[in-house]
Protein backbone atom coordinates (compact mmCIF):
# COMPACT_ATOMS: atom_id res chain seq x y z
CA UNK A 1 117.87 111.35 114.35
CA UNK A 2 119.81 113.44 116.84
CA UNK A 3 121.38 116.60 115.37
CA UNK A 4 125.06 116.45 114.43
CA UNK A 5 127.45 117.52 117.15
CA UNK A 6 131.20 117.43 117.42
CA UNK A 7 132.54 114.57 119.53
CA UNK A 8 135.16 115.62 122.03
CA UNK A 9 138.00 113.11 122.66
CA UNK A 10 136.93 110.45 125.14
CA UNK A 11 139.73 110.09 127.64
CA UNK A 12 137.95 109.42 130.93
CA UNK A 13 135.85 106.46 129.84
CA UNK A 14 137.71 104.54 127.14
CA UNK A 15 136.57 101.02 126.27
CA UNK A 16 139.58 99.28 127.82
CA UNK A 17 139.21 101.23 131.05
CA UNK A 18 135.52 100.44 131.19
CA UNK A 19 136.02 96.68 130.87
CA UNK A 20 138.83 96.85 133.42
CA UNK A 21 136.39 98.55 135.80
CA UNK A 22 133.91 95.74 135.14
CA UNK A 23 136.52 93.08 135.91
CA UNK A 24 137.64 94.83 139.11
CA UNK A 25 134.21 95.87 140.41
CA UNK A 26 132.42 94.29 143.34
CA UNK A 27 129.37 93.06 141.44
CA UNK A 28 126.92 94.79 139.13
CA UNK A 29 126.06 97.60 141.55
CA UNK A 30 129.69 98.57 142.07
CA UNK A 31 130.38 98.61 138.34
CA UNK A 32 127.35 100.77 137.54
CA UNK A 33 128.26 103.22 140.29
CA UNK A 34 131.75 103.61 138.85
CA UNK A 35 130.24 104.01 135.39
CA UNK A 36 128.03 106.88 136.56
CA UNK A 37 130.95 108.64 138.26
CA UNK A 38 133.27 108.26 135.25
CA UNK A 39 130.58 109.43 132.84
CA UNK A 40 129.76 112.40 135.05
CA UNK A 41 133.40 113.48 134.93
CA UNK A 42 133.69 112.92 131.18
CA UNK A 43 130.67 114.99 130.09
CA UNK A 44 131.25 118.29 131.84
CA UNK A 45 129.75 120.12 133.62
CA UNK A 46 127.25 117.33 134.28
CA UNK A 47 126.34 114.77 136.89
CA UNK A 48 125.22 111.37 135.63
CA UNK A 49 122.71 108.69 136.54
CA UNK A 50 122.11 105.28 134.99
CA UNK A 51 118.54 104.16 134.28
CA UNK A 52 117.85 100.48 133.60
CA UNK A 53 114.58 98.69 132.98
CA UNK A 54 112.89 95.44 132.10
CA UNK A 55 109.31 95.15 130.87
CA UNK A 56 107.66 98.38 132.10
CA UNK A 57 109.75 98.82 135.24
CA UNK A 58 112.48 101.46 135.28
CA UNK A 59 114.73 102.49 138.13
CA UNK A 60 117.98 104.34 138.77
CA UNK A 61 120.72 101.81 139.46
CA UNK A 62 123.55 104.29 140.07
CA UNK A 63 124.20 108.03 140.18
CA UNK A 64 127.17 110.32 140.70
CA UNK A 65 125.04 112.74 142.74
CA UNK A 66 122.00 112.26 145.01
CA UNK A 67 120.36 115.28 143.43
CA UNK A 68 120.08 113.59 140.03
CA UNK A 69 118.79 110.29 141.43
CA UNK A 70 116.03 112.29 143.14
CA UNK A 71 115.12 113.93 139.84
CA UNK A 72 114.99 110.52 138.18
CA UNK A 73 112.46 109.49 140.85
CA UNK A 74 110.28 112.49 139.98
CA UNK A 75 110.06 111.17 136.43
CA UNK A 76 109.30 107.59 137.51
CA UNK A 77 106.51 108.78 139.80
CA UNK A 78 104.92 110.83 137.00
CA UNK A 79 105.70 108.15 134.37
CA UNK A 80 107.06 110.82 132.06
CA UNK A 81 110.38 112.57 131.53
CA UNK A 82 113.44 112.67 129.28
CA UNK A 83 115.15 109.74 131.02
CA UNK A 84 112.11 107.51 130.51
CA UNK A 85 111.70 108.64 126.91
CA UNK A 86 115.35 107.95 126.07
CA UNK A 87 115.25 104.49 127.64
CA UNK A 88 111.86 103.42 126.31
CA UNK A 89 111.96 104.99 122.85
CA UNK A 90 115.72 104.49 122.28
CA UNK A 91 115.94 108.13 121.15
CA UNK A 92 118.28 110.77 122.56
CA UNK A 93 116.53 113.48 124.58
CA UNK A 94 117.99 116.98 125.05
CA UNK A 95 116.52 119.81 127.11
CA UNK A 96 118.90 122.78 126.70
CA UNK A 97 116.89 125.01 129.05
CA UNK A 98 114.32 123.57 131.43
CA UNK A 99 113.05 127.08 132.16
CA UNK A 100 111.33 127.05 128.77
CA UNK A 101 110.77 123.29 128.37
CA UNK A 102 107.07 122.49 127.64
CA UNK A 103 107.44 118.68 127.75
CA UNK A 104 107.38 116.19 130.59
CA UNK A 105 105.50 118.12 133.30
CA UNK A 106 106.00 118.18 136.28
CA UNK A 107 109.68 117.31 135.79
CA UNK A 108 110.98 120.66 134.41
CA UNK A 109 109.60 122.62 137.37
CA UNK A 110 110.97 120.09 139.87
CA UNK A 111 114.40 120.28 138.19
CA UNK A 112 114.45 124.08 138.29
CA UNK A 113 113.53 124.04 141.98
CA UNK A 114 116.63 121.94 142.59
CA UNK A 115 118.86 124.21 140.52
CA UNK A 116 119.06 122.04 137.37
CA UNK A 117 118.59 123.87 134.07
CA UNK A 118 119.66 121.44 131.34
CA UNK A 119 119.58 117.70 130.72
CA UNK A 120 120.78 115.17 128.18
CA UNK A 121 119.57 111.54 128.18
CA UNK A 122 121.23 109.07 125.80
CA UNK A 123 119.84 105.55 125.30
CA UNK A 124 121.86 102.43 126.05
CA UNK A 125 121.75 99.57 123.55
CA UNK A 126 121.28 96.39 125.61
CA UNK A 127 119.89 92.89 125.12
CA UNK A 128 117.90 90.12 126.83
CA UNK A 129 114.89 92.43 127.25
CA UNK A 130 116.81 95.13 129.14
CA UNK A 131 116.91 98.80 128.15
CA UNK A 132 118.25 101.96 129.71
CA UNK A 133 119.85 105.38 129.42
CA UNK A 134 122.73 107.52 130.62
CA UNK A 135 121.27 110.73 132.03
CA UNK A 136 123.37 113.91 132.32
CA UNK A 137 122.22 116.88 134.41
CA UNK A 138 123.75 120.37 134.67
CA UNK A 139 122.97 123.53 136.63
CA UNK A 140 123.49 125.94 133.72
CA UNK A 141 121.38 126.27 130.55
CA UNK A 142 122.91 125.01 127.32
CA UNK A 143 125.52 123.05 129.26
CA UNK A 144 125.68 120.14 126.80
CA UNK A 145 126.21 122.06 123.57
CA UNK A 146 129.49 120.70 122.23
CA UNK A 147 129.38 117.69 124.58
CA UNK A 148 126.63 115.58 123.02
CA UNK A 149 129.04 113.72 120.77
CA UNK A 150 131.05 112.72 123.82
CA UNK A 151 127.90 111.56 125.59
CA UNK A 152 126.92 109.41 122.60
CA UNK A 153 130.38 107.86 122.47
CA UNK A 154 130.21 107.08 126.17
CA UNK A 155 126.77 105.50 125.82
CA UNK A 156 128.01 103.36 122.90
CA UNK A 157 131.01 102.19 124.95
CA UNK A 158 128.97 101.69 128.10
CA UNK A 159 126.25 99.68 126.33
CA UNK A 160 128.53 96.72 125.65
CA UNK A 161 129.98 96.70 129.16
CA UNK A 162 126.57 97.04 130.83
CA UNK A 163 125.21 94.20 128.67
CA UNK A 164 128.13 92.00 129.79
CA UNK A 165 127.60 93.01 133.42
CA UNK A 166 123.90 92.15 133.25
CA UNK A 167 124.72 88.79 131.70
CA UNK A 168 127.28 88.07 134.42
CA UNK A 169 124.76 88.95 137.12
CA UNK A 170 122.14 86.72 135.50
CA UNK A 171 124.61 83.81 135.31
CA UNK A 172 125.65 84.37 138.94
CA UNK A 173 122.03 84.27 140.13
CA UNK A 174 121.38 81.15 138.03
CA UNK A 175 124.42 79.52 139.59
CA UNK A 176 123.20 80.32 143.08
CA UNK A 177 119.79 78.84 142.25
CA UNK A 178 121.43 75.68 140.93
CA UNK A 179 123.68 75.40 143.98
CA UNK A 180 120.65 75.78 146.28
CA UNK A 181 118.81 73.07 144.36
CA UNK A 182 121.83 70.73 144.56
CA UNK A 183 122.15 71.39 148.29
CA UNK A 184 118.46 70.58 148.80
CA UNK A 185 118.88 67.32 146.90
CA UNK A 186 121.97 66.45 148.98
CA UNK A 187 120.18 67.11 152.27
CA UNK A 188 117.19 65.00 151.23
CA UNK A 189 119.47 62.14 150.14
CA UNK A 190 121.27 62.30 153.48
CA UNK A 191 117.98 62.14 155.37
CA UNK A 192 116.76 59.21 153.25
CA UNK A 193 119.96 57.34 154.04
CA UNK A 194 119.49 57.93 157.76
CA UNK A 195 115.91 56.58 157.69
CA UNK A 196 116.92 53.59 155.58
CA UNK A 197 119.49 52.65 158.21
CA UNK A 198 117.17 53.37 161.14
CA UNK A 199 114.03 51.66 159.83
CA UNK A 200 115.71 49.06 157.58
CA UNK A 201 113.63 50.12 154.59
CA UNK A 202 114.33 51.02 150.97
CA UNK A 203 114.76 54.55 149.58
CA UNK A 204 111.17 54.84 148.35
CA UNK A 205 109.76 53.91 151.77
CA UNK A 206 112.15 56.32 153.50
CA UNK A 207 111.04 59.17 151.24
CA UNK A 208 107.39 58.39 151.95
CA UNK A 209 108.14 58.53 155.69
CA UNK A 210 109.69 61.96 155.24
CA UNK A 211 106.78 63.24 153.16
CA UNK A 212 104.22 61.99 155.67
CA UNK A 213 106.07 63.61 158.58
CA UNK A 214 106.45 66.83 156.59
CA UNK A 215 102.69 66.97 156.08
CA UNK A 216 101.82 65.98 159.65
CA UNK A 217 104.14 68.59 161.17
CA UNK A 218 103.47 71.23 158.49
CA UNK A 219 107.21 71.59 157.87
CA UNK A 220 108.82 71.93 154.45
CA UNK A 221 110.51 68.72 153.34
CA UNK A 222 113.95 70.29 153.02
CA UNK A 223 113.69 71.92 156.47
CA UNK A 224 112.68 68.58 157.98
CA UNK A 225 115.67 66.88 156.34
CA UNK A 226 118.02 69.57 157.66
CA UNK A 227 116.68 68.95 161.18
CA UNK A 228 117.19 65.20 160.84
CA UNK A 229 120.73 65.47 159.43
CA UNK A 230 121.66 68.01 162.11
CA UNK A 231 120.29 65.80 164.92
CA UNK A 232 122.21 62.75 163.72
CA UNK A 233 125.41 64.49 162.64
CA UNK A 234 125.58 66.98 165.49
CA UNK A 235 126.05 69.96 163.13
CA UNK A 236 124.04 71.70 160.38
CA UNK A 237 124.55 70.40 156.83
CA UNK A 238 127.46 71.95 154.97
CA UNK A 239 127.38 72.43 151.20
CA UNK A 240 131.10 71.83 150.83
CA UNK A 241 131.00 68.49 152.64
CA UNK A 242 128.09 67.32 150.52
CA UNK A 243 129.97 68.27 147.36
CA UNK A 244 133.01 66.29 148.40
CA UNK A 245 130.90 63.28 149.29
CA UNK A 246 129.16 63.46 145.94
CA UNK A 247 132.58 63.33 144.23
CA UNK A 248 133.59 60.35 146.35
């Protein structure tokens, strides 16, 4: 259990503002970048990075300062560090003075070389196999005394928004995959129709002709159908036109 700490009022990153940022952002990357910048301003005097992971892979998805993203990379390369521990173990990690920190070598020395003396990493509560942390860095020792409550509140607020953002990104990618599959089916159907008219055969025979030519020419079936539709129609297939035809 993390030690008790007073929670300063959270004014920079309130829940309503966070979800508004999610709605207005240009995709997952834009939202996470804004999250890191808002969190870095809220927990002073720190800079913030956002670590996310699935399975055993962790990476920094956003940071308010290049310095801190570089220090995250030091931890990933060594496979040890407070950011990794917070994300993987779901336990808050606090290093009040990296000059006397015995854990996580070689990270403390690398941080001191870059002028960073204290760090706070707070886990994010996510779902669907994802996990992560908000990581706060500061140049002075003991910088987060009196600010840890704020950091926890921010992580609690951010967790819900990040989970929603990840779900939206997953749904968007699934939609793109489905659209690509539907387009492939449309192109193949168009090519089958062309061969049925040209060779006066049924759909099964037309498909067999396409498969045989695909194998003989070592060309993917969809690519072959695109070539055929383009040659006959005089223009590359268009997803919108196929959609309208399907409705008709």
